[in-house]
Amino acid sequence: MAGFMGWAFSVPLGSVRNYAAVVSPLGFELQFQGWVLPNLSIGVSGEWATYVDDRPRTTYENGNSALTATAYNYLQTTSAHLMAHYFFLDEGPVQPYIGPHVGISWASFSTQIADLVLSDTQFSFAWGVEGGVLIPFGYNAPVGLVNVRYSNLPAAEFLGQVTNVQSLSVLLGVGF
C-alpha cells in the first residue's frame, strides 16, 4: 500500500476556457493505491482545484436586460476517483505508468458582474486518463510522483457558457 500527496497545476480545456482560461496553481490531491499484480496497482484519489479569472469588461445579456461590466469568475472542482495504473517496469530509478480513472465530481461556479452574483453547483460523473512516473529516493525513503492527468466532467454546465469541465493537470507529489 502506498499513499501520496501533491500539489496540482491545472489548465482548463474546452468550453470551460470561455469561463476561466487562467492556469490554476491552486490544486491539491491525495492518492492511496495497492498492488494487485507486480505491474498493476488499483487506488483511490481525492483532488481539489480552484480557478479564478477576471474577464474583460463586456456586455452580458440576460433575457430582456443587459449589463456592461467586468466579470469575476470563480470555479472550484472536487473529485473522488477510482484509478488503475499499469507500470511498464518492475523496478528501476524511475517507474513510468499509465492508466484510466473514473469517479464523481462537484463543480462550484460563481460569477460576479457589478452587484449581480450568479452561482451554481453541478454534480457529474468524471473520467479520464493519466500517466506519470514514480521516483524512488532510496530504500525506506519517500517516493516522488510526477503525474499528468486529463479529466472530463461531462455533466457540469453553467449558464449555457460552460457545457462541460475538462482539464489537464500536472501533479508534483511525494509518497510514503
N, C-alpha and C. Protein backbone atom coordinates (compact mmCIF):
# COMPACT_ATOMS: atom_id res chain seq x y z
N MET A 1 0.84 -1.18 0.00
CA MET A 1 0.00 0.00 0.00
C MET A 1 0.89 1.24 0.00
N ALA A 2 0.51 2.22 -0.80
CA ALA A 2 1.27 3.47 -0.89
C ALA A 2 0.30 4.64 -0.83
N GLY A 3 0.75 5.73 -0.30
CA GLY A 3 -0.04 6.95 -0.25
C GLY A 3 0.78 8.12 -0.75
N PHE A 4 0.12 9.04 -1.44
CA PHE A 4 0.79 10.20 -2.00
C PHE A 4 -0.03 11.45 -1.71
N MET A 5 0.67 12.58 -1.58
CA MET A 5 0.00 13.87 -1.53
C MET A 5 0.79 14.80 -2.44
N GLY A 6 0.07 15.71 -3.08
CA GLY A 6 0.78 16.56 -4.02
C GLY A 6 0.07 17.84 -4.36
N TRP A 7 0.81 18.69 -5.03
CA TRP A 7 0.36 20.00 -5.48
C TRP A 7 0.07 19.89 -6.96
N ALA A 8 -1.09 20.37 -7.40
CA ALA A 8 -1.52 20.24 -8.79
C ALA A 8 -1.67 21.61 -9.46
N PHE A 9 -1.18 21.69 -10.69
CA PHE A 9 -1.40 22.83 -11.57
C PHE A 9 -2.38 22.36 -12.63
N SER A 10 -3.46 23.10 -12.86
CA SER A 10 -4.49 22.66 -13.80
C SER A 10 -4.71 23.69 -14.91
N VAL A 11 -4.87 23.19 -16.12
CA VAL A 11 -5.15 24.01 -17.29
C VAL A 11 -6.57 23.69 -17.75
N PRO A 12 -7.47 24.68 -17.78
CA PRO A 12 -8.82 24.41 -18.27
C PRO A 12 -8.82 24.18 -19.77
N LEU A 13 -9.67 23.25 -20.23
CA LEU A 13 -9.79 22.91 -21.65
C LEU A 13 -11.24 23.01 -22.08
N GLY A 14 -11.47 23.08 -23.38
CA GLY A 14 -12.82 23.07 -23.93
C GLY A 14 -13.61 24.30 -23.56
N SER A 15 -14.91 24.13 -23.37
CA SER A 15 -15.81 25.27 -23.13
C SER A 15 -15.53 25.99 -21.82
N VAL A 16 -14.92 25.33 -20.86
CA VAL A 16 -14.64 25.99 -19.59
C VAL A 16 -13.60 27.10 -19.76
N ARG A 17 -12.82 27.07 -20.85
CA ARG A 17 -11.86 28.16 -21.12
C ARG A 17 -12.58 29.48 -21.40
N ASN A 18 -13.83 29.42 -21.88
CA ASN A 18 -14.61 30.65 -22.07
C ASN A 18 -14.98 31.28 -20.74
N TYR A 19 -14.95 30.50 -19.68
CA TYR A 19 -15.34 30.95 -18.35
C TYR A 19 -14.12 31.30 -17.49
N ALA A 20 -13.13 30.41 -17.50
CA ALA A 20 -11.92 30.61 -16.70
C ALA A 20 -10.73 30.04 -17.48
N ALA A 21 -9.98 30.90 -18.14
CA ALA A 21 -8.89 30.46 -19.01
C ALA A 21 -7.53 30.46 -18.33
N VAL A 22 -7.44 30.92 -17.11
CA VAL A 22 -6.16 31.07 -16.43
C VAL A 22 -5.72 29.73 -15.83
N VAL A 23 -4.43 29.40 -16.00
CA VAL A 23 -3.86 28.20 -15.38
C VAL A 23 -3.95 28.34 -13.87
N SER A 24 -4.39 27.28 -13.21
CA SER A 24 -4.57 27.34 -11.77
C SER A 24 -3.45 26.62 -11.03
N PRO A 25 -2.71 27.33 -10.17
CA PRO A 25 -1.74 26.67 -9.30
C PRO A 25 -2.37 26.26 -7.97
N LEU A 26 -3.70 26.39 -7.87
CA LEU A 26 -4.41 26.14 -6.62
C LEU A 26 -5.05 24.76 -6.64
N GLY A 27 -4.24 23.72 -6.52
CA GLY A 27 -4.77 22.36 -6.52
C GLY A 27 -4.02 21.48 -5.53
N PHE A 28 -4.72 20.46 -5.05
CA PHE A 28 -4.16 19.53 -4.07
C PHE A 28 -4.77 18.17 -4.31
N GLU A 29 -4.00 17.11 -4.08
CA GLU A 29 -4.52 15.76 -4.26
C GLU A 29 -3.93 14.81 -3.25
N LEU A 30 -4.76 13.84 -2.83
CA LEU A 30 -4.33 12.70 -2.02
C LEU A 30 -4.63 11.44 -2.81
N GLN A 31 -3.68 10.50 -2.83
CA GLN A 31 -3.86 9.22 -3.52
C GLN A 31 -3.45 8.09 -2.58
N PHE A 32 -4.18 6.98 -2.69
CA PHE A 32 -3.83 5.74 -1.99
C PHE A 32 -3.97 4.61 -2.99
N GLN A 33 -2.96 3.76 -3.06
CA GLN A 33 -3.01 2.65 -4.01
C GLN A 33 -2.35 1.41 -3.43
N GLY A 34 -2.83 0.27 -3.92
CA GLY A 34 -2.28 -1.01 -3.50
C GLY A 34 -1.99 -1.86 -4.73
N TRP A 35 -1.01 -2.74 -4.62
CA TRP A 35 -0.59 -3.58 -5.73
C TRP A 35 -1.45 -4.83 -5.80
N VAL A 36 -2.01 -5.11 -6.97
CA VAL A 36 -2.79 -6.34 -7.18
C VAL A 36 -2.02 -7.33 -8.04
N LEU A 37 -1.07 -6.85 -8.83
CA LEU A 37 -0.14 -7.66 -9.62
C LEU A 37 1.20 -6.94 -9.60
N PRO A 38 2.30 -7.59 -9.98
CA PRO A 38 3.59 -6.91 -9.93
C PRO A 38 3.63 -5.59 -10.72
N ASN A 39 2.86 -5.48 -11.80
CA ASN A 39 2.89 -4.26 -12.62
C ASN A 39 1.56 -3.50 -12.60
N LEU A 40 0.64 -3.83 -11.70
CA LEU A 40 -0.68 -3.21 -11.69
C LEU A 40 -1.08 -2.80 -10.28
N SER A 41 -1.47 -1.53 -10.15
CA SER A 41 -2.00 -1.06 -8.87
C SER A 41 -3.40 -0.51 -9.08
N ILE A 42 -4.21 -0.63 -8.04
CA ILE A 42 -5.57 -0.09 -8.00
C ILE A 42 -5.60 0.89 -6.84
N GLY A 43 -6.26 2.04 -7.05
CA GLY A 43 -6.27 3.01 -5.98
C GLY A 43 -7.44 3.96 -6.01
N VAL A 44 -7.43 4.87 -5.06
CA VAL A 44 -8.43 5.93 -4.95
C VAL A 44 -7.69 7.25 -4.79
N SER A 45 -8.34 8.32 -5.24
CA SER A 45 -7.76 9.64 -5.06
C SER A 45 -8.85 10.65 -4.82
N GLY A 46 -8.48 11.71 -4.16
CA GLY A 46 -9.36 12.85 -3.97
C GLY A 46 -8.58 14.09 -4.37
N GLU A 47 -9.20 14.93 -5.20
CA GLU A 47 -8.50 16.12 -5.66
C GLU A 47 -9.38 17.35 -5.56
N TRP A 48 -8.73 18.48 -5.49
CA TRP A 48 -9.40 19.77 -5.38
C TRP A 48 -8.63 20.77 -6.24
N ALA A 49 -9.33 21.60 -7.00
CA ALA A 49 -8.69 22.64 -7.82
C ALA A 49 -9.59 23.87 -7.83
N THR A 50 -8.97 25.03 -7.88
CA THR A 50 -9.70 26.30 -7.94
C THR A 50 -9.18 27.13 -9.10
N TYR A 51 -10.10 27.67 -9.88
CA TYR A 51 -9.77 28.55 -11.00
C TYR A 51 -10.38 29.92 -10.71
N VAL A 52 -9.59 30.97 -10.88
CA VAL A 52 -10.05 32.34 -10.69
C VAL A 52 -9.67 33.12 -11.95
N ASP A 53 -10.63 33.82 -12.54
CA ASP A 53 -10.36 34.56 -13.77
C ASP A 53 -11.19 35.84 -13.80
N ASP A 54 -10.53 36.96 -13.98
CA ASP A 54 -11.20 38.25 -14.17
C ASP A 54 -11.32 38.45 -15.68
N ARG A 55 -12.55 38.44 -16.18
CA ARG A 55 -12.80 38.55 -17.62
C ARG A 55 -12.82 40.01 -18.04
N PRO A 56 -12.53 40.30 -19.29
CA PRO A 56 -12.55 41.71 -19.75
C PRO A 56 -13.95 42.32 -19.65
N ARG A 57 -13.97 43.62 -19.53
CA ARG A 57 -15.25 44.35 -19.48
C ARG A 57 -16.02 44.09 -20.77
N THR A 58 -17.25 43.66 -20.63
CA THR A 58 -18.10 43.35 -21.78
C THR A 58 -19.56 43.48 -21.40
N THR A 59 -20.44 43.34 -22.36
CA THR A 59 -21.87 43.41 -22.10
C THR A 59 -22.43 42.00 -21.97
N TYR A 60 -23.12 41.76 -20.87
CA TYR A 60 -23.75 40.47 -20.60
C TYR A 60 -25.25 40.64 -20.71
N GLU A 61 -25.87 39.79 -21.51
CA GLU A 61 -27.32 39.86 -21.69
C GLU A 61 -27.98 38.75 -20.92
N ASN A 62 -29.11 39.09 -20.29
CA ASN A 62 -29.88 38.12 -19.52
C ASN A 62 -31.36 38.42 -19.77
N GLY A 63 -31.95 37.70 -20.70
CA GLY A 63 -33.36 37.94 -21.02
C GLY A 63 -33.54 39.29 -21.67
N ASN A 64 -34.34 40.17 -21.03
CA ASN A 64 -34.64 41.49 -21.58
C ASN A 64 -33.71 42.58 -21.06
N SER A 65 -32.66 42.21 -20.33
CA SER A 65 -31.78 43.22 -19.77
C SER A 65 -30.33 42.96 -20.20
N ALA A 66 -29.50 43.97 -20.05
CA ALA A 66 -28.08 43.87 -20.37
C ALA A 66 -27.29 44.65 -19.33
N LEU A 67 -26.09 44.18 -19.05
CA LEU A 67 -25.22 44.80 -18.06
C LEU A 67 -23.81 44.83 -18.63
N THR A 68 -23.17 45.99 -18.62
CA THR A 68 -21.80 46.11 -19.09
C THR A 68 -20.90 46.27 -17.87
N ALA A 69 -20.00 45.29 -17.68
CA ALA A 69 -19.12 45.30 -16.51
C ALA A 69 -18.05 44.23 -16.68
N THR A 70 -17.14 44.19 -15.73
CA THR A 70 -16.12 43.15 -15.66
C THR A 70 -16.70 41.97 -14.88
N ALA A 71 -16.48 40.76 -15.38
CA ALA A 71 -16.94 39.56 -14.68
C ALA A 71 -15.78 38.95 -13.91
N TYR A 72 -16.04 38.60 -12.66
CA TYR A 72 -15.07 37.92 -11.81
C TYR A 72 -15.57 36.48 -11.67
N ASN A 73 -14.91 35.55 -12.36
CA ASN A 73 -15.35 34.16 -12.40
C ASN A 73 -14.51 33.31 -11.46
N TYR A 74 -15.19 32.40 -10.77
CA TYR A 74 -14.58 31.52 -9.79
C TYR A 74 -15.15 30.13 -10.01
N LEU A 75 -14.28 29.14 -10.18
CA LEU A 75 -14.70 27.74 -10.35
C LEU A 75 -13.88 26.88 -9.42
N GLN A 76 -14.55 26.06 -8.65
CA GLN A 76 -13.87 25.13 -7.77
C GLN A 76 -14.37 23.72 -8.09
N THR A 77 -13.44 22.78 -8.28
CA THR A 77 -13.82 21.39 -8.54
C THR A 77 -13.26 20.50 -7.45
N THR A 78 -14.04 19.50 -7.08
CA THR A 78 -13.63 18.48 -6.13
C THR A 78 -14.03 17.14 -6.71
N SER A 79 -13.09 16.19 -6.72
CA SER A 79 -13.35 14.89 -7.34
C SER A 79 -12.87 13.76 -6.45
N ALA A 80 -13.54 12.62 -6.57
CA ALA A 80 -13.11 11.36 -5.96
C ALA A 80 -13.03 10.33 -7.08
N HIS A 81 -11.87 9.69 -7.22
CA HIS A 81 -11.63 8.78 -8.33
C HIS A 81 -11.25 7.37 -7.86
N LEU A 82 -11.60 6.40 -8.68
CA LEU A 82 -11.01 5.07 -8.65
C LEU A 82 -10.04 5.05 -9.82
N MET A 83 -8.87 4.48 -9.63
CA MET A 83 -7.88 4.51 -10.71
C MET A 83 -7.11 3.20 -10.76
N ALA A 84 -6.58 2.90 -11.93
CA ALA A 84 -5.72 1.75 -12.15
C ALA A 84 -4.47 2.24 -12.85
N HIS A 85 -3.31 1.79 -12.39
CA HIS A 85 -2.04 2.17 -13.00
C HIS A 85 -1.30 0.93 -13.46
N TYR A 86 -0.93 0.91 -14.73
CA TYR A 86 -0.08 -0.15 -15.27
C TYR A 86 1.34 0.38 -15.32
N PHE A 87 2.27 -0.32 -14.65
CA PHE A 87 3.68 0.08 -14.60
C PHE A 87 4.46 -0.69 -15.65
N PHE A 88 5.24 0.02 -16.45
CA PHE A 88 6.00 -0.59 -17.54
C PHE A 88 7.24 -1.33 -17.05
N LEU A 89 7.78 -0.97 -15.90
CA LEU A 89 8.98 -1.60 -15.36
C LEU A 89 8.69 -2.16 -13.97
N ASP A 90 9.34 -3.29 -13.64
CA ASP A 90 9.19 -3.87 -12.31
C ASP A 90 9.96 -3.05 -11.27
N GLU A 91 11.12 -2.55 -11.65
CA GLU A 91 11.93 -1.72 -10.76
C GLU A 91 12.88 -0.89 -11.60
N GLY A 92 13.47 0.11 -10.99
CA GLY A 92 14.40 0.97 -11.70
C GLY A 92 14.45 2.33 -11.05
N PRO A 93 15.29 3.24 -11.58
CA PRO A 93 15.40 4.56 -10.98
C PRO A 93 14.13 5.39 -11.14
N VAL A 94 13.34 5.09 -12.16
CA VAL A 94 12.01 5.68 -12.31
C VAL A 94 11.07 4.56 -12.73
N GLN A 95 9.80 4.69 -12.37
CA GLN A 95 8.80 3.68 -12.71
C GLN A 95 7.64 4.36 -13.43
N PRO A 96 7.68 4.38 -14.78
CA PRO A 96 6.60 5.02 -15.54
C PRO A 96 5.33 4.18 -15.53
N TYR A 97 4.18 4.87 -15.59
CA TYR A 97 2.89 4.19 -15.59
C TYR A 97 1.88 4.96 -16.44
N ILE A 98 0.79 4.28 -16.74
CA ILE A 98 -0.34 4.88 -17.45
C ILE A 98 -1.60 4.19 -16.95
N GLY A 99 -2.74 4.89 -17.02
CA GLY A 99 -3.98 4.24 -16.60
C GLY A 99 -5.18 5.16 -16.63
N PRO A 100 -6.38 4.55 -16.54
CA PRO A 100 -7.62 5.32 -16.52
C PRO A 100 -8.04 5.68 -15.10
N HIS A 101 -8.96 6.63 -15.00
CA HIS A 101 -9.60 6.93 -13.72
C HIS A 101 -11.07 7.26 -14.00
N VAL A 102 -11.93 6.88 -13.07
CA VAL A 102 -13.36 7.19 -13.13
C VAL A 102 -13.80 7.58 -11.73
N GLY A 103 -14.86 8.38 -11.65
CA GLY A 103 -15.33 8.78 -10.34
C GLY A 103 -16.47 9.77 -10.41
N ILE A 104 -16.58 10.55 -9.35
CA ILE A 104 -17.62 11.57 -9.24
C ILE A 104 -16.95 12.90 -8.95
N SER A 105 -17.63 13.98 -9.35
CA SER A 105 -17.05 15.30 -9.16
C SER A 105 -18.14 16.34 -8.91
N TRP A 106 -17.76 17.38 -8.20
CA TRP A 106 -18.62 18.53 -7.98
C TRP A 106 -17.91 19.74 -8.55
N ALA A 107 -18.64 20.58 -9.24
CA ALA A 107 -18.08 21.83 -9.77
C ALA A 107 -18.94 22.97 -9.23
N SER A 108 -18.31 23.91 -8.57
CA SER A 108 -19.00 25.06 -8.00
C SER A 108 -18.61 26.31 -8.78
N PHE A 109 -19.60 26.93 -9.43
CA PHE A 109 -19.38 28.11 -10.25
C PHE A 109 -19.90 29.35 -9.53
N SER A 110 -19.18 30.46 -9.69
CA SER A 110 -19.66 31.73 -9.17
C SER A 110 -19.15 32.84 -10.08
N THR A 111 -20.07 33.71 -10.52
CA THR A 111 -19.73 34.85 -11.35
C THR A 111 -20.28 36.10 -10.69
N GLN A 112 -19.42 37.10 -10.53
CA GLN A 112 -19.87 38.39 -10.02
C GLN A 112 -19.67 39.42 -11.11
N ILE A 113 -20.77 40.06 -11.51
CA ILE A 113 -20.76 41.12 -12.51
C ILE A 113 -21.40 42.33 -11.85
N ALA A 114 -20.58 43.34 -11.52
CA ALA A 114 -21.05 44.50 -10.75
C ALA A 114 -21.68 43.98 -9.45
N ASP A 115 -22.96 44.27 -9.19
CA ASP A 115 -23.62 43.81 -7.97
C ASP A 115 -24.37 42.50 -8.15
N LEU A 116 -24.35 41.95 -9.35
CA LEU A 116 -25.05 40.70 -9.66
C LEU A 116 -24.13 39.51 -9.42
N VAL A 117 -24.59 38.55 -8.64
CA VAL A 117 -23.83 37.32 -8.40
C VAL A 117 -24.67 36.14 -8.86
N LEU A 118 -24.09 35.34 -9.75
CA LEU A 118 -24.73 34.13 -10.25
C LEU A 118 -23.88 32.95 -9.80
N SER A 119 -24.52 31.91 -9.25
CA SER A 119 -23.74 30.75 -8.80
C SER A 119 -24.56 29.48 -8.94
N ASP A 120 -23.85 28.37 -9.00
CA ASP A 120 -24.48 27.06 -9.11
C ASP A 120 -23.44 26.00 -8.77
N THR A 121 -23.91 24.86 -8.30
CA THR A 121 -23.06 23.71 -8.06
C THR A 121 -23.59 22.55 -8.88
N GLN A 122 -22.72 21.91 -9.64
CA GLN A 122 -23.09 20.81 -10.51
C GLN A 122 -22.39 19.53 -10.06
N PHE A 123 -23.09 18.42 -10.12
CA PHE A 123 -22.56 17.10 -9.83
C PHE A 123 -22.37 16.39 -11.16
N SER A 124 -21.26 15.66 -11.34
CA SER A 124 -21.02 14.99 -12.61
C SER A 124 -20.23 13.71 -12.40
N PHE A 125 -20.47 12.74 -13.26
CA PHE A 125 -19.58 11.60 -13.43
C PHE A 125 -18.27 12.17 -13.97
N ALA A 126 -17.14 11.63 -13.58
CA ALA A 126 -15.84 12.10 -14.06
C ALA A 126 -15.05 10.93 -14.61
N TRP A 127 -14.32 11.18 -15.67
CA TRP A 127 -13.47 10.14 -16.25
C TRP A 127 -12.24 10.78 -16.89
N GLY A 128 -11.25 9.97 -17.17
CA GLY A 128 -10.06 10.47 -17.84
C GLY A 128 -8.94 9.45 -17.85
N VAL A 129 -7.78 9.91 -18.26
CA VAL A 129 -6.58 9.08 -18.30
C VAL A 129 -5.43 9.85 -17.68
N GLU A 130 -4.44 9.12 -17.24
CA GLU A 130 -3.28 9.75 -16.63
C GLU A 130 -2.03 8.91 -16.88
N GLY A 131 -0.92 9.56 -16.79
CA GLY A 131 0.37 8.90 -16.91
C GLY A 131 1.36 9.63 -16.05
N GLY A 132 2.38 8.92 -15.65
CA GLY A 132 3.37 9.57 -14.80
C GLY A 132 4.52 8.67 -14.48
N VAL A 133 5.31 9.09 -13.52
CA VAL A 133 6.44 8.31 -13.05
C VAL A 133 6.53 8.39 -11.53
N LEU A 134 6.88 7.27 -10.93
CA LEU A 134 7.28 7.23 -9.53
C LEU A 134 8.79 7.29 -9.50
N ILE A 135 9.34 8.05 -8.57
CA ILE A 135 10.79 8.22 -8.47
C ILE A 135 11.21 7.82 -7.05
N PRO A 136 11.64 6.55 -6.86
CA PRO A 136 12.08 6.12 -5.53
C PRO A 136 13.37 6.84 -5.13
N PHE A 137 13.41 7.40 -3.93
CA PHE A 137 14.60 8.11 -3.46
C PHE A 137 15.55 7.21 -2.68
N GLY A 138 15.21 5.95 -2.49
CA GLY A 138 16.06 5.01 -1.76
C GLY A 138 15.23 4.06 -0.94
N TYR A 139 15.90 3.10 -0.35
CA TYR A 139 15.24 2.10 0.49
C TYR A 139 14.66 2.78 1.73
N ASN A 140 13.38 2.55 2.01
CA ASN A 140 12.67 3.16 3.14
C ASN A 140 12.69 4.68 3.11
N ALA A 141 12.78 5.25 1.93
CA ALA A 141 12.77 6.71 1.76
C ALA A 141 11.49 7.11 1.03
N PRO A 142 11.13 8.39 1.05
CA PRO A 142 9.96 8.84 0.30
C PRO A 142 10.10 8.55 -1.20
N VAL A 143 8.96 8.61 -1.88
CA VAL A 143 8.90 8.37 -3.32
C VAL A 143 8.33 9.63 -3.97
N GLY A 144 9.01 10.13 -5.01
CA GLY A 144 8.50 11.27 -5.75
C GLY A 144 7.45 10.82 -6.76
N LEU A 145 6.53 11.70 -7.09
CA LEU A 145 5.47 11.41 -8.05
C LEU A 145 5.32 12.60 -8.99
N VAL A 146 5.36 12.33 -10.29
CA VAL A 146 5.05 13.32 -11.31
C VAL A 146 3.96 12.69 -12.17
N ASN A 147 2.82 13.37 -12.28
CA ASN A 147 1.64 12.80 -12.92
C ASN A 147 1.01 13.85 -13.84
N VAL A 148 0.58 13.43 -15.03
CA VAL A 148 -0.18 14.29 -15.94
C VAL A 148 -1.54 13.62 -16.12
N ARG A 149 -2.63 14.38 -15.89
CA ARG A 149 -3.97 13.81 -15.92
C ARG A 149 -4.91 14.65 -16.78
N TYR A 150 -5.64 13.96 -17.66
CA TYR A 150 -6.75 14.58 -18.38
C TYR A 150 -8.02 14.16 -17.66
N SER A 151 -8.89 15.13 -17.36
CA SER A 151 -10.17 14.85 -16.69
C SER A 151 -11.31 15.50 -17.46
N ASN A 152 -12.45 14.83 -17.47
CA ASN A 152 -13.65 15.34 -18.12
C ASN A 152 -14.84 15.16 -17.17
N LEU A 153 -15.56 16.24 -16.93
CA LEU A 153 -16.80 16.24 -16.15
C LEU A 153 -17.91 16.59 -17.14
N PRO A 154 -18.47 15.61 -17.85
CA PRO A 154 -19.37 15.90 -18.96
C PRO A 154 -20.69 16.54 -18.57
N ALA A 155 -21.16 16.37 -17.34
CA ALA A 155 -22.46 16.91 -16.95
C ALA A 155 -22.37 18.24 -16.21
N ALA A 156 -21.17 18.78 -16.04
CA ALA A 156 -21.01 20.06 -15.35
C ALA A 156 -21.19 21.19 -16.34
N GLU A 157 -22.25 21.98 -16.18
CA GLU A 157 -22.51 23.11 -17.09
C GLU A 157 -22.95 24.31 -16.26
N PHE A 158 -22.77 25.50 -16.87
CA PHE A 158 -23.11 26.72 -16.16
C PHE A 158 -23.58 27.78 -17.15
N LEU A 159 -24.82 28.20 -17.02
CA LEU A 159 -25.43 29.29 -17.77
C LEU A 159 -25.27 29.19 -19.29
N GLY A 160 -25.16 27.98 -19.81
CA GLY A 160 -25.00 27.80 -21.24
C GLY A 160 -23.63 28.21 -21.76
N GLN A 161 -22.81 28.83 -20.92
CA GLN A 161 -21.47 29.25 -21.30
C GLN A 161 -20.48 28.09 -21.16
N VAL A 162 -20.65 27.27 -20.14
CA VAL A 162 -19.80 26.10 -19.92
C VAL A 162 -20.68 24.88 -20.17
N THR A 163 -20.28 24.03 -21.13
CA THR A 163 -21.07 22.83 -21.44
C THR A 163 -20.49 21.58 -20.80
N ASN A 164 -19.23 21.61 -20.40
CA ASN A 164 -18.60 20.56 -19.60
C ASN A 164 -17.29 21.13 -19.05
N VAL A 165 -16.74 20.47 -18.07
CA VAL A 165 -15.49 20.93 -17.48
C VAL A 165 -14.41 19.91 -17.81
N GLN A 166 -13.43 20.33 -18.59
CA GLN A 166 -12.29 19.49 -18.93
C GLN A 166 -11.03 20.18 -18.43
N SER A 167 -10.05 19.38 -18.04
CA SER A 167 -8.79 19.97 -17.58
C SER A 167 -7.62 19.03 -17.84
N LEU A 168 -6.45 19.61 -17.88
CA LEU A 168 -5.19 18.88 -17.95
C LEU A 168 -4.39 19.34 -16.75
N SER A 169 -4.02 18.40 -15.88
CA SER A 169 -3.35 18.74 -14.64
C SER A 169 -1.98 18.09 -14.56
N VAL A 170 -1.06 18.79 -13.93
CA VAL A 170 0.26 18.25 -13.61
C VAL A 170 0.35 18.21 -12.08
N LEU A 171 0.63 17.02 -11.57
CA LEU A 171 0.72 16.81 -10.13
C LEU A 171 2.18 16.53 -9.75
N LEU A 172 2.69 17.27 -8.78
CA LEU A 172 4.01 17.02 -8.21
C LEU A 172 3.78 16.59 -6.77
N GLY A 173 4.20 15.36 -6.45
CA GLY A 173 3.87 14.85 -5.13
C GLY A 173 4.99 14.06 -4.50
N VAL A 174 4.71 13.65 -3.29
CA VAL A 174 5.62 12.81 -2.53
C VAL A 174 4.81 11.69 -1.90
N GLY A 175 5.39 10.50 -1.87
CA GLY A 175 4.70 9.34 -1.33
C GLY A 175 5.34 8.83 -0.07
N PHE A 176 4.57 8.05 0.63
CA PHE A 176 5.04 7.49 1.89
C PHE A 176 4.66 6.02 1.98
